[in-house]
């Protein structure tokens, strides 16, 4: 079932879920009206389904995987970066590739939102995928579906689970930096806040913990952990939840005078999608505060323990969470972009035709 919702209107000064933003105050959670719209309103668009391009573009999924494989050979970190696009796209007005739109004179896009600037990268990989698909099947495969397929492939190519994706999304006609700033969570977020936030998207506590396992691959910036190392909760002290040996390692990676764009591994096996991330959390070696809090908070700790002991449980729960997140849709008019960075037609013309 596709979930449909409208943009959340909250404090535009604050950003939320990433490896970069570091707000001091959390915005209020979505209202009951928003939750009602999310869970009850049904999309008018054609339902998402497996094999959506089996007739119109049979090689679509193999083309996406081939380009992702080449990107991984060229730069292993790039696939982890592309995988995160699904999170940053779907949470902001649904899975509609609004994330990929460049700014225009009339629109501030989402790439420079607080949770994305200096954090999200490898947009050129999606450009390469789109170019290959346009050569094979012009005007058929949406950028929104590319994000979903590429995220799946990033996981599978890194040693994680593979799964059948449901496709048929349309690309948005606009983007909103303000909506992204208001919705995406910060690395300072604690488990209690994240549980409440994810629940607004019909994602359970188990989904939250499993999807946080996306940090099994990739890296985060020193910017995201400076407060943990030197001023946790305004104490002027490091986060006591950090294991001392790991804190010493982080202190060397991110001293007070460091270039805060320096990156560190999110877990001990940053190129392999596995359950090491959860083992690290259980040992006090989580890189981000929003990760480590999953072990210190009782409601999420049981799932961290479960996934740290059983990789298959983690894989199954992660796939379920990715599929549920991929169902989020806005119900707004859309198109299949020729170039993922720009819309095909002026917004007014398309709305007149819808």
C-alpha atoms as a PDB file:
ATOM      1  CA  UNK A   1       0.000   0.000   0.000  1.00  0.00           C
ATOM      2  CA  UNK A   2       1.397   3.351  -1.006  1.00  0.00           C
ATOM      3  CA  UNK A   3       1.436   5.942   1.752  1.00  0.00           C
ATOM      4  CA  UNK A   4       0.644   9.543   0.806  1.00  0.00           C
ATOM      5  CA  UNK A   5       1.342  12.703   2.727  1.00  0.00           C
ATOM      6  CA  UNK A   6       1.811  16.451   2.494  1.00  0.00           C
ATOM      7  CA  UNK A   7       4.934  18.412   3.479  1.00  0.00           C
ATOM      8  CA  UNK A   8       5.496  18.969   7.168  1.00  0.00           C
ATOM      9  CA  UNK A   9       5.607  22.628   8.162  1.00  0.00           C
ATOM     10  CA  UNK A  10       7.973  23.101  11.068  1.00  0.00           C
ATOM     11  CA  UNK A  11      10.819  25.330  12.218  1.00  0.00           C
ATOM     12  CA  UNK A  12      12.854  26.104   9.061  1.00  0.00           C
ATOM     13  CA  UNK A  13      15.991  26.807  11.080  1.00  0.00           C
ATOM     14  CA  UNK A  14      16.520  23.200  12.079  1.00  0.00           C
ATOM     15  CA  UNK A  15      17.708  20.155  10.166  1.00  0.00           C
ATOM     16  CA  UNK A  16      17.287  16.527  11.079  1.00  0.00           C
ATOM     17  CA  UNK A  17      18.855  12.643   9.861  1.00  0.00           C
ATOM     18  CA  UNK A  18      22.293  12.782   8.447  1.00  0.00           C
ATOM     19  CA  UNK A  19      25.982  12.638   9.071  1.00  0.00           C
ATOM     20  CA  UNK A  20      26.345  16.410   9.018  1.00  0.00           C
ATOM     21  CA  UNK A  21      23.737  18.604  10.642  1.00  0.00           C
ATOM     22  CA  UNK A  22      23.989  19.459  14.320  1.00  0.00           C
ATOM     23  CA  UNK A  23      21.011  21.444  15.578  1.00  0.00           C
ATOM     24  CA  UNK A  24      20.698  22.455  19.208  1.00  0.00           C
ATOM     25  CA  UNK A  25      16.935  22.065  19.324  1.00  0.00           C
ATOM     26  CA  UNK A  26      14.657  19.414  17.861  1.00  0.00           C
ATOM     27  CA  UNK A  27      11.600  20.536  15.897  1.00  0.00           C
ATOM     28  CA  UNK A  28       8.150  19.381  16.935  1.00  0.00           C
ATOM     29  CA  UNK A  29       6.970  16.085  15.546  1.00  0.00           C
ATOM     30  CA  UNK A  30       4.365  15.951  12.767  1.00  0.00           C
ATOM     31  CA  UNK A  31       0.808  16.600  13.855  1.00  0.00           C
ATOM     32  CA  UNK A  32      -1.993  14.080  14.172  1.00  0.00           C
ATOM     33  CA  UNK A  33      -3.496  15.587  11.023  1.00  0.00           C
ATOM     34  CA  UNK A  34      -0.267  14.853   9.172  1.00  0.00           C
ATOM     35  CA  UNK A  35      -0.255  11.285  10.471  1.00  0.00           C
ATOM     36  CA  UNK A  36      -3.861  10.880   9.347  1.00  0.00           C
ATOM     37  CA  UNK A  37      -2.965  12.095   5.857  1.00  0.00           C
ATOM     38  CA  UNK A  38       0.055   9.814   5.737  1.00  0.00           C
ATOM     39  CA  UNK A  39      -1.791   6.665   6.697  1.00  0.00           C
ATOM     40  CA  UNK A  40      -5.234   7.184   5.189  1.00  0.00           C
ATOM     41  CA  UNK A  41      -4.936   9.125   1.914  1.00  0.00           C
ATOM     42  CA  UNK A  42      -4.313   6.772  -1.013  1.00  0.00           C
ATOM     43  CA  UNK A  43      -2.285   7.596  -4.086  1.00  0.00           C
ATOM     44  CA  UNK A  44      -4.185   8.124  -7.311  1.00  0.00           C
ATOM     45  CA  UNK A  45      -1.165   6.980  -9.300  1.00  0.00           C
ATOM     46  CA  UNK A  46      -0.717   3.445 -10.576  1.00  0.00           C
ATOM     47  CA  UNK A  47       0.305   1.138  -7.706  1.00  0.00           C
ATOM     48  CA  UNK A  48       3.966   0.254  -7.409  1.00  0.00           C
ATOM     49  CA  UNK A  49       4.774  -3.299  -8.477  1.00  0.00           C
ATOM     50  CA  UNK A  50       7.688  -5.631  -9.229  1.00  0.00           C
ATOM     51  CA  UNK A  51       8.687  -5.904 -12.864  1.00  0.00           C
ATOM     52  CA  UNK A  52       7.194  -2.539 -13.735  1.00  0.00           C
ATOM     53  CA  UNK A  53       9.613  -2.099 -16.653  1.00  0.00           C
ATOM     54  CA  UNK A  54       9.545  -5.715 -17.862  1.00  0.00           C
ATOM     55  CA  UNK A  55       7.836  -4.686 -21.107  1.00  0.00           C
ATOM     56  CA  UNK A  56       8.793  -1.036 -21.550  1.00  0.00           C
ATOM     57  CA  UNK A  57      12.480  -1.385 -20.594  1.00  0.00           C
ATOM     58  CA  UNK A  58      13.426  -5.029 -19.879  1.00  0.00           C
ATOM     59  CA  UNK A  59      17.137  -4.361 -19.175  1.00  0.00           C
ATOM     60  CA  UNK A  60      16.446  -1.505 -16.718  1.00  0.00           C
ATOM     61  CA  UNK A  61      17.417  -3.265 -13.495  1.00  0.00           C
ATOM     62  CA  UNK A  62      20.504  -4.914 -14.982  1.00  0.00           C
ATOM     63  CA  UNK A  63      21.652  -1.559 -16.378  1.00  0.00           C
ATOM     64  CA  UNK A  64      21.358   0.054 -12.941  1.00  0.00           C
ATOM     65  CA  UNK A  65      23.323  -2.739 -11.294  1.00  0.00           C
ATOM     66  CA  UNK A  66      26.057  -2.677 -13.930  1.00  0.00           C
ATOM     67  CA  UNK A  67      26.601   1.063 -13.486  1.00  0.00           C
ATOM     68  CA  UNK A  68      26.594   0.681  -9.699  1.00  0.00           C
ATOM     69  CA  UNK A  69      29.147  -2.103  -9.961  1.00  0.00           C
ATOM     70  CA  UNK A  70      31.435   0.083 -12.064  1.00  0.00           C
ATOM     71  CA  UNK A  71      31.023   2.958  -9.617  1.00  0.00           C
ATOM     72  CA  UNK A  72      31.964   0.665  -6.747  1.00  0.00           C
ATOM     73  CA  UNK A  73      35.135  -0.458  -8.532  1.00  0.00           C
ATOM     74  CA  UNK A  74      36.048   3.154  -9.222  1.00  0.00           C
ATOM     75  CA  UNK A  75      35.316   4.373  -5.673  1.00  0.00           C
ATOM     76  CA  UNK A  76      34.045   1.836  -3.108  1.00  0.00           C
ATOM     77  CA  UNK A  77      32.537   4.524  -0.871  1.00  0.00           C
ATOM     78  CA  UNK A  78      30.257   5.795  -3.647  1.00  0.00           C
ATOM     79  CA  UNK A  79      27.703   2.994  -3.340  1.00  0.00           C
ATOM     80  CA  UNK A  80      27.147   3.724   0.349  1.00  0.00           C
ATOM     81  CA  UNK A  81      26.591   7.363  -0.579  1.00  0.00           C
ATOM     82  CA  UNK A  82      24.025   6.441  -3.240  1.00  0.00           C
ATOM     83  CA  UNK A  83      22.224   4.069  -0.856  1.00  0.00           C
ATOM     84  CA  UNK A  84      21.525   6.994   1.487  1.00  0.00           C
ATOM     85  CA  UNK A  85      19.678   8.835  -1.253  1.00  0.00           C
ATOM     86  CA  UNK A  86      16.652   6.637  -0.593  1.00  0.00           C
ATOM     87  CA  UNK A  87      16.449   7.829   3.016  1.00  0.00           C
ATOM     88  CA  UNK A  88      16.964  11.499   2.211  1.00  0.00           C
ATOM     89  CA  UNK A  89      14.558  11.387  -0.725  1.00  0.00           C
ATOM     90  CA  UNK A  90      11.699   9.273   0.612  1.00  0.00           C
ATOM     91  CA  UNK A  91      11.417  11.017   3.986  1.00  0.00           C
ATOM     92  CA  UNK A  92      10.922  14.398   2.299  1.00  0.00           C
ATOM     93  CA  UNK A  93       7.548  14.386   0.507  1.00  0.00           C
ATOM     94  CA  UNK A  94       7.866  10.785  -0.621  1.00  0.00           C
ATOM     95  CA  UNK A  95      10.113   8.835  -2.980  1.00  0.00           C
ATOM     96  CA  UNK A  96       9.994  11.226  -5.928  1.00  0.00           C
ATOM     97  CA  UNK A  97      13.637  12.136  -6.685  1.00  0.00           C
ATOM     98  CA  UNK A  98      13.087  15.705  -5.467  1.00  0.00           C
ATOM     99  CA  UNK A  99      16.475  15.267  -3.797  1.00  0.00           C
ATOM    100  CA  UNK A 100      18.189  15.167  -7.191  1.00  0.00           C
ATOM    101  CA  UNK A 101      16.898  18.506  -8.517  1.00  0.00           C
ATOM    102  CA  UNK A 102      19.438  21.312  -8.777  1.00  0.00           C
ATOM    103  CA  UNK A 103      18.553  24.779  -7.522  1.00  0.00           C
ATOM    104  CA  UNK A 104      16.928  27.176  -9.957  1.00  0.00           C
ATOM    105  CA  UNK A 105      16.300  30.947  -9.735  1.00  0.00           C
ATOM    106  CA  UNK A 106      12.792  30.130  -8.505  1.00  0.00           C
ATOM    107  CA  UNK A 107      13.467  27.075  -6.338  1.00  0.00           C
ATOM    108  CA  UNK A 108      15.842  26.167  -3.541  1.00  0.00           C
ATOM    109  CA  UNK A 109      16.384  22.435  -3.899  1.00  0.00           C
ATOM    110  CA  UNK A 110      17.290  19.875  -1.265  1.00  0.00           C
ATOM    111  CA  UNK A 111      20.954  19.257  -2.058  1.00  0.00           C
ATOM    112  CA  UNK A 112      22.036  22.188   0.120  1.00  0.00           C
ATOM    113  CA  UNK A 113      19.634  21.431   2.958  1.00  0.00           C
ATOM    114  CA  UNK A 114      21.200  21.180   6.410  1.00  0.00           C
ATOM    115  CA  UNK A 115      21.193  17.379   6.429  1.00  0.00           C
ATOM    116  CA  UNK A 116      22.601  17.106   2.895  1.00  0.00           C
ATOM    117  CA  UNK A 117      25.185  19.834   2.334  1.00  0.00           C
ATOM    118  CA  UNK A 118      28.755  18.514   2.604  1.00  0.00           C
ATOM    119  CA  UNK A 119      27.269  15.107   3.382  1.00  0.00           C
ATOM    120  CA  UNK A 120      25.399  13.615   0.437  1.00  0.00           C
ATOM    121  CA  UNK A 121      27.684  12.875  -2.485  1.00  0.00           C
ATOM    122  CA  UNK A 122      28.008  10.729  -5.626  1.00  0.00           C
ATOM    123  CA  UNK A 123      25.111  12.370  -7.469  1.00  0.00           C
ATOM    124  CA  UNK A 124      27.166  11.766 -10.606  1.00  0.00           C
ATOM    125  CA  UNK A 125      26.565   8.026 -10.219  1.00  0.00           C
ATOM    126  CA  UNK A 126      22.831   8.576 -10.641  1.00  0.00           C
ATOM    127  CA  UNK A 127      23.614  10.755 -13.673  1.00  0.00           C
ATOM    128  CA  UNK A 128      25.568   7.848 -15.169  1.00  0.00           C
ATOM    129  CA  UNK A 129      22.717   5.432 -14.511  1.00  0.00           C
ATOM    130  CA  UNK A 130      20.200   7.793 -16.081  1.00  0.00           C
ATOM    131  CA  UNK A 131      22.373   8.339 -19.141  1.00  0.00           C
ATOM    132  CA  UNK A 132      22.682   4.584 -19.679  1.00  0.00           C
ATOM    133  CA  UNK A 133      18.936   4.069 -19.271  1.00  0.00           C
ATOM    134  CA  UNK A 134      18.095   6.921 -21.641  1.00  0.00           C
ATOM    135  CA  UNK A 135      20.271   5.321 -24.307  1.00  0.00           C
ATOM    136  CA  UNK A 136      18.481   2.002 -23.895  1.00  0.00           C
ATOM    137  CA  UNK A 137      14.923   3.198 -23.201  1.00  0.00           C
ATOM    138  CA  UNK A 138      14.448   6.954 -23.666  1.00  0.00           C
ATOM    139  CA  UNK A 139      11.914   8.610 -21.389  1.00  0.00           C
ATOM    140  CA  UNK A 140      10.820   5.431 -19.620  1.00  0.00           C
ATOM    141  CA  UNK A 141      12.594   4.916 -16.264  1.00  0.00           C
ATOM    142  CA  UNK A 142      12.035   7.543 -13.575  1.00  0.00           C
ATOM    143  CA  UNK A 143      14.804   8.991 -11.454  1.00  0.00           C
ATOM    144  CA  UNK A 144      12.760   8.106  -8.369  1.00  0.00           C
ATOM    145  CA  UNK A 145      12.890   4.429  -9.356  1.00  0.00           C
ATOM    146  CA  UNK A 146      16.609   4.723 -10.088  1.00  0.00           C
ATOM    147  CA  UNK A 147      17.176   5.757  -6.458  1.00  0.00           C
ATOM    148  CA  UNK A 148      15.238   2.723  -5.219  1.00  0.00           C
ATOM    149  CA  UNK A 149      17.052   0.284  -7.509  1.00  0.00           C
ATOM    150  CA  UNK A 150      20.464   1.803  -6.842  1.00  0.00           C
ATOM    151  CA  UNK A 151      19.978   1.659  -3.062  1.00  0.00           C
ATOM    152  CA  UNK A 152      19.094  -2.033  -3.320  1.00  0.00           C
ATOM    153  CA  UNK A 153      22.111  -2.668  -5.541  1.00  0.00           C
ATOM    154  CA  UNK A 154      24.465  -0.790  -3.207  1.00  0.00           C
ATOM    155  CA  UNK A 155      23.521  -3.164  -0.411  1.00  0.00           C
ATOM    156  CA  UNK A 156      23.703  -6.310  -2.541  1.00  0.00           C
ATOM    157  CA  UNK A 157      27.054  -5.386  -4.107  1.00  0.00           C
ATOM    158  CA  UNK A 158      28.485  -4.751  -0.625  1.00  0.00           C
ATOM    159  CA  UNK A 159      27.661  -8.266   0.552  1.00  0.00           C
ATOM    160  CA  UNK A 160      24.223  -7.568   1.984  1.00  0.00           C
ATOM    161  CA  UNK A 161      20.799  -8.911   1.038  1.00  0.00           C
ATOM    162  CA  UNK A 162      19.218  -8.636  -2.393  1.00  0.00           C
ATOM    163  CA  UNK A 163      15.507  -8.156  -2.906  1.00  0.00           C
ATOM    164  CA  UNK A 164      12.764  -7.510  -5.436  1.00  0.00           C
ATOM    165  CA  UNK A 165      11.867  -3.824  -5.596  1.00  0.00           C
ATOM    166  CA  UNK A 166       8.463  -2.374  -6.416  1.00  0.00           C
ATOM    167  CA  UNK A 167       8.656   0.254  -9.131  1.00  0.00           C
ATOM    168  CA  UNK A 168       6.483   2.728 -11.022  1.00  0.00           C
ATOM    169  CA  UNK A 169       7.215   6.042  -9.293  1.00  0.00           C
ATOM    170  CA  UNK A 170       7.043   9.425 -10.972  1.00  0.00           C
ATOM    171  CA  UNK A 171       9.574  12.214 -10.548  1.00  0.00           C
ATOM    172  CA  UNK A 172       8.548  15.367  -8.703  1.00  0.00           C
ATOM    173  CA  UNK A 173       8.134  18.687 -10.441  1.00  0.00           C
ATOM    174  CA  UNK A 174       9.727  20.632  -7.625  1.00  0.00           C
ATOM    175  CA  UNK A 175      11.812  20.302  -4.450  1.00  0.00           C
ATOM    176  CA  UNK A 176      11.854  22.031  -1.079  1.00  0.00           C
ATOM    177  CA  UNK A 177      14.957  22.831   0.926  1.00  0.00           C
ATOM    178  CA  UNK A 178      12.724  24.011   3.754  1.00  0.00           C
ATOM    179  CA  UNK A 179      10.861  20.696   3.930  1.00  0.00           C
ATOM    180  CA  UNK A 180      14.152  18.809   4.000  1.00  0.00           C
ATOM    181  CA  UNK A 181      15.471  21.041   6.778  1.00  0.00           C
ATOM    182  CA  UNK A 182      12.308  20.457   8.787  1.00  0.00           C
ATOM    183  CA  UNK A 183      12.093  16.696   8.412  1.00  0.00           C
ATOM    184  CA  UNK A 184      15.507  15.014   8.344  1.00  0.00           C
ATOM    185  CA  UNK A 185      16.976  13.991  11.720  1.00  0.00           C
ATOM    186  CA  UNK A 186      20.324  15.053  13.131  1.00  0.00           C
ATOM    187  CA  UNK A 187      23.238  12.907  14.338  1.00  0.00           C
ATOM    188  CA  UNK A 188      22.421  14.405  17.752  1.00  0.00           C
ATOM    189  CA  UNK A 189      18.960  12.814  17.782  1.00  0.00           C
ATOM    190  CA  UNK A 190      18.304  10.279  20.524  1.00  0.00           C
ATOM    191  CA  UNK A 191      16.386   7.020  20.183  1.00  0.00           C
ATOM    192  CA  UNK A 192      13.230   8.358  21.814  1.00  0.00           C
ATOM    193  CA  UNK A 193      12.997  11.176  19.284  1.00  0.00           C
ATOM    194  CA  UNK A 194      13.782   8.851  16.371  1.00  0.00           C
ATOM    195  CA  UNK A 195      11.091   6.383  17.443  1.00  0.00           C
ATOM    196  CA  UNK A 196       8.496   9.144  17.444  1.00  0.00           C
ATOM    197  CA  UNK A 197       9.687  10.502  14.103  1.00  0.00           C
ATOM    198  CA  UNK A 198       9.746   7.129  12.333  1.00  0.00           C
ATOM    199  CA  UNK A 199       6.310   6.300  13.664  1.00  0.00           C
ATOM    200  CA  UNK A 200       4.928   9.239  11.690  1.00  0.00           C
ATOM    201  CA  UNK A 201       5.977   7.367   8.547  1.00  0.00           C
ATOM    202  CA  UNK A 202       4.401   4.112   9.710  1.00  0.00           C
ATOM    203  CA  UNK A 203       7.839   2.698  10.508  1.00  0.00           C
ATOM    204  CA  UNK A 204       8.162   0.645  13.680  1.00  0.00           C
ATOM    205  CA  UNK A 205      10.884   0.587  16.329  1.00  0.00           C
ATOM    206  CA  UNK A 206      12.269  -2.539  14.668  1.00  0.00           C
ATOM    207  CA  UNK A 207      12.257  -0.735  11.300  1.00  0.00           C
ATOM    208  CA  UNK A 208      14.132   2.180  12.857  1.00  0.00           C
ATOM    209  CA  UNK A 209      16.897  -0.015  14.259  1.00  0.00           C
ATOM    210  CA  UNK A 210      17.169  -2.155  11.120  1.00  0.00           C
ATOM    211  CA  UNK A 211      17.273   0.865   8.786  1.00  0.00           C
ATOM    212  CA  UNK A 212      19.915   2.489  10.982  1.00  0.00           C
ATOM    213  CA  UNK A 213      21.990  -0.520   9.929  1.00  0.00           C
ATOM    214  CA  UNK A 214      22.491   1.315   6.629  1.00  0.00           C
ATOM    215  CA  UNK A 215      25.472   2.720   8.517  1.00  0.00           C
ATOM    216  CA  UNK A 216      27.040  -0.702   8.123  1.00  0.00           C
ATOM    217  CA  UNK A 217      28.798   0.815   5.106  1.00  0.00           C
ATOM    218  CA  UNK A 218      30.272   4.228   4.510  1.00  0.00           C
ATOM    219  CA  UNK A 219      31.796   7.053   6.499  1.00  0.00           C
ATOM    220  CA  UNK A 220      30.774  10.075   8.542  1.00  0.00           C
ATOM    221  CA  UNK A 221      32.388  13.477   9.085  1.00  0.00           C
ATOM    222  CA  UNK A 222      34.142  14.743  12.195  1.00  0.00           C
ATOM    223  CA  UNK A 223      31.625  17.593  12.104  1.00  0.00           C
ATOM    224  CA  UNK A 224      28.960  15.129  13.191  1.00  0.00           C
ATOM    225  CA  UNK A 225      30.736  13.935  16.320  1.00  0.00           C
ATOM    226  CA  UNK A 226      32.670  16.920  17.692  1.00  0.00           C
ATOM    227  CA  UNK A 227      30.014  17.558  20.327  1.00  0.00           C
ATOM    228  CA  UNK A 228      30.188  13.868  21.404  1.00  0.00           C
ATOM    229  CA  UNK A 229      33.920  14.082  21.891  1.00  0.00           C
ATOM    230  CA  UNK A 230      34.214  17.438  23.608  1.00  0.00           C
ATOM    231  CA  UNK A 231      30.866  18.788  24.815  1.00  0.00           C
ATOM    232  CA  UNK A 232      28.176  16.131  25.095  1.00  0.00           C
ATOM    233  CA  UNK A 233      24.907  17.708  26.284  1.00  0.00           C
ATOM    234  CA  UNK A 234      26.767  20.942  27.104  1.00  0.00           C
ATOM    235  CA  UNK A 235      28.873  19.276  29.820  1.00  0.00           C
ATOM    236  CA  UNK A 236      32.273  20.103  28.338  1.00  0.00           C
ATOM    237  CA  UNK A 237      32.964  16.363  28.564  1.00  0.00           C
ATOM    238  CA  UNK A 238      32.871  13.455  26.096  1.00  0.00           C
ATOM    239  CA  UNK A 239      29.899  11.152  25.761  1.00  0.00           C
ATOM    240  CA  UNK A 240      30.306   8.559  28.566  1.00  0.00           C
ATOM    241  CA  UNK A 241      28.727   5.911  26.327  1.00  0.00           C
ATOM    242  CA  UNK A 242      31.812   5.869  24.076  1.00  0.00           C
ATOM    243  CA  UNK A 243      34.146   2.963  24.877  1.00  0.00           C
ATOM    244  CA  UNK A 244      37.451   4.515  26.110  1.00  0.00           C
ATOM    245  CA  UNK A 245      39.671   2.887  23.501  1.00  0.00           C
ATOM    246  CA  UNK A 246      37.325   3.936  20.725  1.00  0.00           C
ATOM    247  CA  UNK A 247      37.145   7.459  22.112  1.00  0.00           C
ATOM    248  CA  UNK A 248      40.940   7.666  21.998  1.00  0.00           C
ATOM    249  CA  UNK A 249      40.824   6.621  18.343  1.00  0.00           C
ATOM    250  CA  UNK A 250      38.187   9.256  17.588  1.00  0.00           C
ATOM    251  CA  UNK A 251      40.152  11.924  19.469  1.00  0.00           C
ATOM    252  CA  UNK A 252      43.099  11.272  17.146  1.00  0.00           C
ATOM    253  CA  UNK A 253      40.877  11.315  14.057  1.00  0.00           C
ATOM    254  CA  UNK A 254      38.990  14.450  15.117  1.00  0.00           C
ATOM    255  CA  UNK A 255      41.049  16.730  17.383  1.00  0.00           C
ATOM    256  CA  UNK A 256      39.605  20.128  18.257  1.00  0.00           C
ATOM    257  CA  UNK A 257      41.507  21.845  15.442  1.00  0.00           C
ATOM    258  CA  UNK A 258      40.619  19.245  12.781  1.00  0.00           C
ATOM    259  CA  UNK A 259      39.191  20.016   9.365  1.00  0.00           C
ATOM    260  CA  UNK A 260      35.681  18.867  10.217  1.00  0.00           C
ATOM    261  CA  UNK A 261      35.205  17.389   6.750  1.00  0.00           C
ATOM    262  CA  UNK A 262      37.664  14.629   7.671  1.00  0.00           C
ATOM    263  CA  UNK A 263      35.805  11.312   7.623  1.00  0.00           C
ATOM    264  CA  UNK A 264      35.828   8.202   9.763  1.00  0.00           C
ATOM    265  CA  UNK A 265      34.357   4.739   9.275  1.00  0.00           C
ATOM    266  CA  UNK A 266      30.815   4.217  10.534  1.00  0.00           C
ATOM    267  CA  UNK A 267      31.674   0.710  11.690  1.00  0.00           C
ATOM    268  CA  UNK A 268      34.659  -1.652  11.712  1.00  0.00           C
ATOM    269  CA  UNK A 269      33.817  -3.080   8.257  1.00  0.00           C
ATOM    270  CA  UNK A 270      32.837   0.044   6.262  1.00  0.00           C
ATOM    271  CA  UNK A 271      32.939  -1.651   2.854  1.00  0.00           C
ATOM    272  CA  UNK A 272      30.961  -4.740   3.828  1.00  0.00           C
ATOM    273  CA  UNK A 273      27.246  -4.709   4.539  1.00  0.00           C
ATOM    274  CA  UNK A 274      26.964  -6.954   7.590  1.00  0.00           C
ATOM    275  CA  UNK A 275      25.889  -6.858  11.235  1.00  0.00           C
ATOM    276  CA  UNK A 276      29.218  -5.523  12.530  1.00  0.00           C
ATOM    277  CA  UNK A 277      27.535  -2.140  13.025  1.00  0.00           C
ATOM    278  CA  UNK A 278      25.324  -3.628  15.752  1.00  0.00           C
ATOM    279  CA  UNK A 279      28.237  -5.442  17.379  1.00  0.00           C
ATOM    280  CA  UNK A 280      30.041  -2.115  17.527  1.00  0.00           C
ATOM    281  CA  UNK A 281      27.040  -0.421  19.161  1.00  0.00           C
ATOM    282  CA  UNK A 282      26.879  -3.151  21.798  1.00  0.00           C
ATOM    283  CA  UNK A 283      30.562  -2.515  22.523  1.00  0.00           C
ATOM    284  CA  UNK A 284      30.178   1.281  22.802  1.00  0.00           C
ATOM    285  CA  UNK A 285      31.828   1.918  19.443  1.00  0.00           C
ATOM    286  CA  UNK A 286      29.050   3.705  17.571  1.00  0.00           C
ATOM    287  CA  UNK A 287      30.336   6.625  15.496  1.00  0.00           C
ATOM    288  CA  UNK A 288      27.259   8.834  15.712  1.00  0.00           C
ATOM    289  CA  UNK A 289      25.264   9.757  18.781  1.00  0.00           C
ATOM    290  CA  UNK A 290      22.082   8.798  16.916  1.00  0.00           C
ATOM    291  CA  UNK A 291      23.596   5.336  16.402  1.00  0.00           C
ATOM    292  CA  UNK A 292      24.946   4.714  19.921  1.00  0.00           C
ATOM    293  CA  UNK A 293      21.689   5.845  21.507  1.00  0.00           C
ATOM    294  CA  UNK A 294      20.012   2.814  19.930  1.00  0.00           C
ATOM    295  CA  UNK A 295      21.907   0.656  22.418  1.00  0.00           C
ATOM    296  CA  UNK A 296      21.576   2.890  25.447  1.00  0.00           C
ATOM    297  CA  UNK A 297      17.780   3.235  25.052  1.00  0.00           C
ATOM    298  CA  UNK A 298      15.855   0.159  26.346  1.00  0.00           C
ATOM    299  CA  UNK A 299      13.172   0.124  23.651  1.00  0.00           C
ATOM    300  CA  UNK A 300      15.733  -0.133  20.848  1.00  0.00           C
ATOM    301  CA  UNK A 301      18.472  -2.053  22.679  1.00  0.00           C
ATOM    302  CA  UNK A 302      16.709  -5.407  22.278  1.00  0.00           C
ATOM    303  CA  UNK A 303      16.836  -5.083  18.492  1.00  0.00           C
ATOM    304  CA  UNK A 304      20.496  -4.044  18.534  1.00  0.00           C
ATOM    305  CA  UNK A 305      21.226  -7.198  20.530  1.00  0.00           C
ATOM    306  CA  UNK A 306      19.081  -9.325  18.216  1.00  0.00           C
ATOM    307  CA  UNK A 307      20.751  -8.050  15.062  1.00  0.00           C
ATOM    308  CA  UNK A 308      24.244  -8.233  16.555  1.00  0.00           C
ATOM    309  CA  UNK A 309      23.698 -11.929  17.238  1.00  0.00           C
ATOM    310  CA  UNK A 310      21.795 -12.869  14.090  1.00  0.00           C
ATOM    311  CA  UNK A 311      22.786 -11.340  10.761  1.00  0.00           C
ATOM    312  CA  UNK A 312      19.904 -13.003   8.912  1.00  0.00           C
ATOM    313  CA  UNK A 313      17.429 -11.335  11.270  1.00  0.00           C
ATOM    314  CA  UNK A 314      19.036  -8.001  10.471  1.00  0.00           C
ATOM    315  CA  UNK A 315      18.999  -8.614   6.718  1.00  0.00           C
ATOM    316  CA  UNK A 316      15.338  -9.621   6.725  1.00  0.00           C
ATOM    317  CA  UNK A 317      14.304  -6.641   8.846  1.00  0.00           C
ATOM    318  CA  UNK A 318      16.377  -4.246   6.742  1.00  0.00           C
ATOM    319  CA  UNK A 319      14.730  -5.394   3.515  1.00  0.00           C
ATOM    320  CA  UNK A 320      11.280  -5.053   5.078  1.00  0.00           C
ATOM    321  CA  UNK A 321      12.096  -1.531   6.246  1.00  0.00           C
ATOM    322  CA  UNK A 322      13.472  -0.466   2.868  1.00  0.00           C
ATOM    323  CA  UNK A 323      10.360  -1.737   1.109  1.00  0.00           C
ATOM    324  CA  UNK A 324       8.069   0.089   3.555  1.00  0.00           C
ATOM    325  CA  UNK A 325      10.036   3.311   3.228  1.00  0.00           C
ATOM    326  CA  UNK A 326       9.970   2.960  -0.556  1.00  0.00           C
ATOM    327  CA  UNK A 327       6.149   3.049  -0.489  1.00  0.00           C
ATOM    328  CA  UNK A 328       6.018   6.654   0.740  1.00  0.00           C
ATOM    329  CA  UNK A 329       4.392   8.750  -1.986  1.00  0.00           C
ATOM    330  CA  UNK A 330       3.152  12.345  -2.128  1.00  0.00           C
ATOM    331  CA  UNK A 331       0.275  11.850  -4.576  1.00  0.00           C
ATOM    332  CA  UNK A 332       1.365  15.010  -6.405  1.00  0.00           C
ATOM    333  CA  UNK A 333       1.605  15.292 -10.218  1.00  0.00           C
ATOM    334  CA  UNK A 334       4.851  13.944 -11.614  1.00  0.00           C
ATOM    335  CA  UNK A 335       6.776  13.013 -14.738  1.00  0.00           C
ATOM    336  CA  UNK A 336       9.671  10.891 -15.942  1.00  0.00           C
ATOM    337  CA  UNK A 337      12.588  13.328 -16.142  1.00  0.00           C
ATOM    338  CA  UNK A 338      15.001  13.172 -19.044  1.00  0.00           C
ATOM    339  CA  UNK A 339      17.712  14.552 -16.765  1.00  0.00           C
ATOM    340  CA  UNK A 340      17.464  13.809 -13.044  1.00  0.00           C
ATOM    341  CA  UNK A 341      18.748  17.265 -12.153  1.00  0.00           C
ATOM    342  CA  UNK A 342      16.028  19.285 -13.917  1.00  0.00           C
ATOM    343  CA  UNK A 343      12.321  18.977 -14.660  1.00  0.00           C
ATOM    344  CA  UNK A 344      11.212  18.484 -18.247  1.00  0.00           C
ATOM    345  CA  UNK A 345       8.485  21.122 -18.355  1.00  0.00           C
ATOM    346  CA  UNK A 346       7.475  24.277 -16.527  1.00  0.00           C
ATOM    347  CA  UNK A 347       5.483  23.368 -13.427  1.00  0.00           C
ATOM    348  CA  UNK A 348       2.473  25.432 -14.475  1.00  0.00           C
ATOM    349  CA  UNK A 349       2.103  23.651 -17.825  1.00  0.00           C
ATOM    350  CA  UNK A 350       2.249  20.199 -16.285  1.00  0.00           C
ATOM    351  CA  UNK A 351      -0.284  21.079 -13.588  1.00  0.00           C
ATOM    352  CA  UNK A 352      -2.682  22.335 -16.267  1.00  0.00           C
ATOM    353  CA  UNK A 353      -2.487  18.972 -17.994  1.00  0.00           C
ATOM    354  CA  UNK A 354      -3.002  16.925 -14.797  1.00  0.00           C
END
